[in-house]
């Protein structure tokens, strides 16, 4: 994966199927993510990955219909 300009950091591959990314959230959002993870009995990382999957599916399914 190429980076644009000097503001982007290189992406670290965890394995052949995934990469590690560092993301900052507003405190209020992070607390909601933590609570969602507790409520669902999953990791916070799982909650974030699932939210991203749903967002991408929604975004790309809408854009392909336009």
C-alpha atoms as a PDB file:
ATOM      1  CA  UNK A   1       0.000   0.000   0.000  1.00  0.00           C
ATOM      2  CA  UNK A   2       1.497   3.322  -1.025  1.00  0.00           C
ATOM      3  CA  UNK A   3       1.400   6.373   1.193  1.00  0.00           C
ATOM      4  CA  UNK A   4       0.658   9.919   0.073  1.00  0.00           C
ATOM      5  CA  UNK A   5       3.056  12.635   1.093  1.00  0.00           C
ATOM      6  CA  UNK A   6       4.934  12.786   4.359  1.00  0.00           C
ATOM      7  CA  UNK A   7       1.862  13.013   6.608  1.00  0.00           C
ATOM      8  CA  UNK A   8       0.937   9.347   6.184  1.00  0.00           C
ATOM      9  CA  UNK A   9       2.741   6.671   8.157  1.00  0.00           C
ATOM     10  CA  UNK A  10       3.663   3.333   6.672  1.00  0.00           C
ATOM     11  CA  UNK A  11       1.170   0.562   7.333  1.00  0.00           C
ATOM     12  CA  UNK A  12       2.404  -2.426   9.330  1.00  0.00           C
ATOM     13  CA  UNK A  13       1.272  -5.804   8.078  1.00  0.00           C
ATOM     14  CA  UNK A  14       0.182  -8.170  10.825  1.00  0.00           C
ATOM     15  CA  UNK A  15      -0.184 -11.135   8.486  1.00  0.00           C
ATOM     16  CA  UNK A  16      -1.160 -11.771   4.858  1.00  0.00           C
ATOM     17  CA  UNK A  17      -4.790 -10.872   5.542  1.00  0.00           C
ATOM     18  CA  UNK A  18      -4.577  -7.774   7.730  1.00  0.00           C
ATOM     19  CA  UNK A  19      -2.664  -4.638   8.631  1.00  0.00           C
ATOM     20  CA  UNK A  20      -2.240  -2.823  11.936  1.00  0.00           C
ATOM     21  CA  UNK A  21      -3.420   0.792  12.116  1.00  0.00           C
ATOM     22  CA  UNK A  22      -3.299   3.362  14.883  1.00  0.00           C
ATOM     23  CA  UNK A  23      -6.490   5.438  15.118  1.00  0.00           C
ATOM     24  CA  UNK A  24      -7.436   8.247  17.503  1.00  0.00           C
ATOM     25  CA  UNK A  25     -11.026   8.754  18.692  1.00  0.00           C
ATOM     26  CA  UNK A  26     -12.703  11.527  20.652  1.00  0.00           C
ATOM     27  CA  UNK A  27     -13.014  10.401  24.285  1.00  0.00           C
ATOM     28  CA  UNK A  28     -16.818  10.191  24.129  1.00  0.00           C
ATOM     29  CA  UNK A  29     -16.720   7.930  21.066  1.00  0.00           C
ATOM     30  CA  UNK A  30     -14.049   5.707  22.603  1.00  0.00           C
ATOM     31  CA  UNK A  31     -16.109   5.284  25.779  1.00  0.00           C
ATOM     32  CA  UNK A  32     -19.130   4.255  23.689  1.00  0.00           C
ATOM     33  CA  UNK A  33     -16.988   1.757  21.785  1.00  0.00           C
ATOM     34  CA  UNK A  34     -15.711   0.320  25.073  1.00  0.00           C
ATOM     35  CA  UNK A  35     -19.266  -0.030  26.384  1.00  0.00           C
ATOM     36  CA  UNK A  36     -20.412  -1.698  23.166  1.00  0.00           C
ATOM     37  CA  UNK A  37     -17.573  -4.212  23.515  1.00  0.00           C
ATOM     38  CA  UNK A  38     -18.533  -4.959  27.127  1.00  0.00           C
ATOM     39  CA  UNK A  39     -22.216  -5.308  26.220  1.00  0.00           C
ATOM     40  CA  UNK A  40     -21.463  -7.675  23.320  1.00  0.00           C
ATOM     41  CA  UNK A  41     -18.702  -9.496  25.223  1.00  0.00           C
ATOM     42  CA  UNK A  42     -16.199  -8.931  22.432  1.00  0.00           C
ATOM     43  CA  UNK A  43     -13.014  -6.914  22.058  1.00  0.00           C
ATOM     44  CA  UNK A  44     -13.055  -3.223  21.277  1.00  0.00           C
ATOM     45  CA  UNK A  45     -11.082  -4.048  18.121  1.00  0.00           C
ATOM     46  CA  UNK A  46     -13.891  -6.373  17.003  1.00  0.00           C
ATOM     47  CA  UNK A  47     -16.458  -3.593  17.487  1.00  0.00           C
ATOM     48  CA  UNK A  48     -14.366  -1.194  15.390  1.00  0.00           C
ATOM     49  CA  UNK A  49     -13.735  -3.757  12.622  1.00  0.00           C
ATOM     50  CA  UNK A  50     -17.438  -4.630  12.471  1.00  0.00           C
ATOM     51  CA  UNK A  51     -18.432  -0.952  12.310  1.00  0.00           C
ATOM     52  CA  UNK A  52     -15.960  -0.364   9.478  1.00  0.00           C
ATOM     53  CA  UNK A  53     -17.269  -3.411   7.570  1.00  0.00           C
ATOM     54  CA  UNK A  54     -20.857  -2.163   7.909  1.00  0.00           C
ATOM     55  CA  UNK A  55     -19.886   1.369   6.881  1.00  0.00           C
ATOM     56  CA  UNK A  56     -17.990   0.170   3.816  1.00  0.00           C
ATOM     57  CA  UNK A  57     -20.792  -2.186   2.771  1.00  0.00           C
ATOM     58  CA  UNK A  58     -23.319   0.622   3.090  1.00  0.00           C
ATOM     59  CA  UNK A  59     -21.145   3.199   1.356  1.00  0.00           C
ATOM     60  CA  UNK A  60     -20.151   1.033  -1.571  1.00  0.00           C
ATOM     61  CA  UNK A  61     -23.586  -0.510  -2.078  1.00  0.00           C
ATOM     62  CA  UNK A  62     -25.104   3.007  -2.283  1.00  0.00           C
ATOM     63  CA  UNK A  63     -22.421   4.413  -4.582  1.00  0.00           C
ATOM     64  CA  UNK A  64     -22.748   1.525  -7.031  1.00  0.00           C
ATOM     65  CA  UNK A  65     -26.503   2.177  -7.383  1.00  0.00           C
ATOM     66  CA  UNK A  66     -26.095   5.873  -8.225  1.00  0.00           C
END
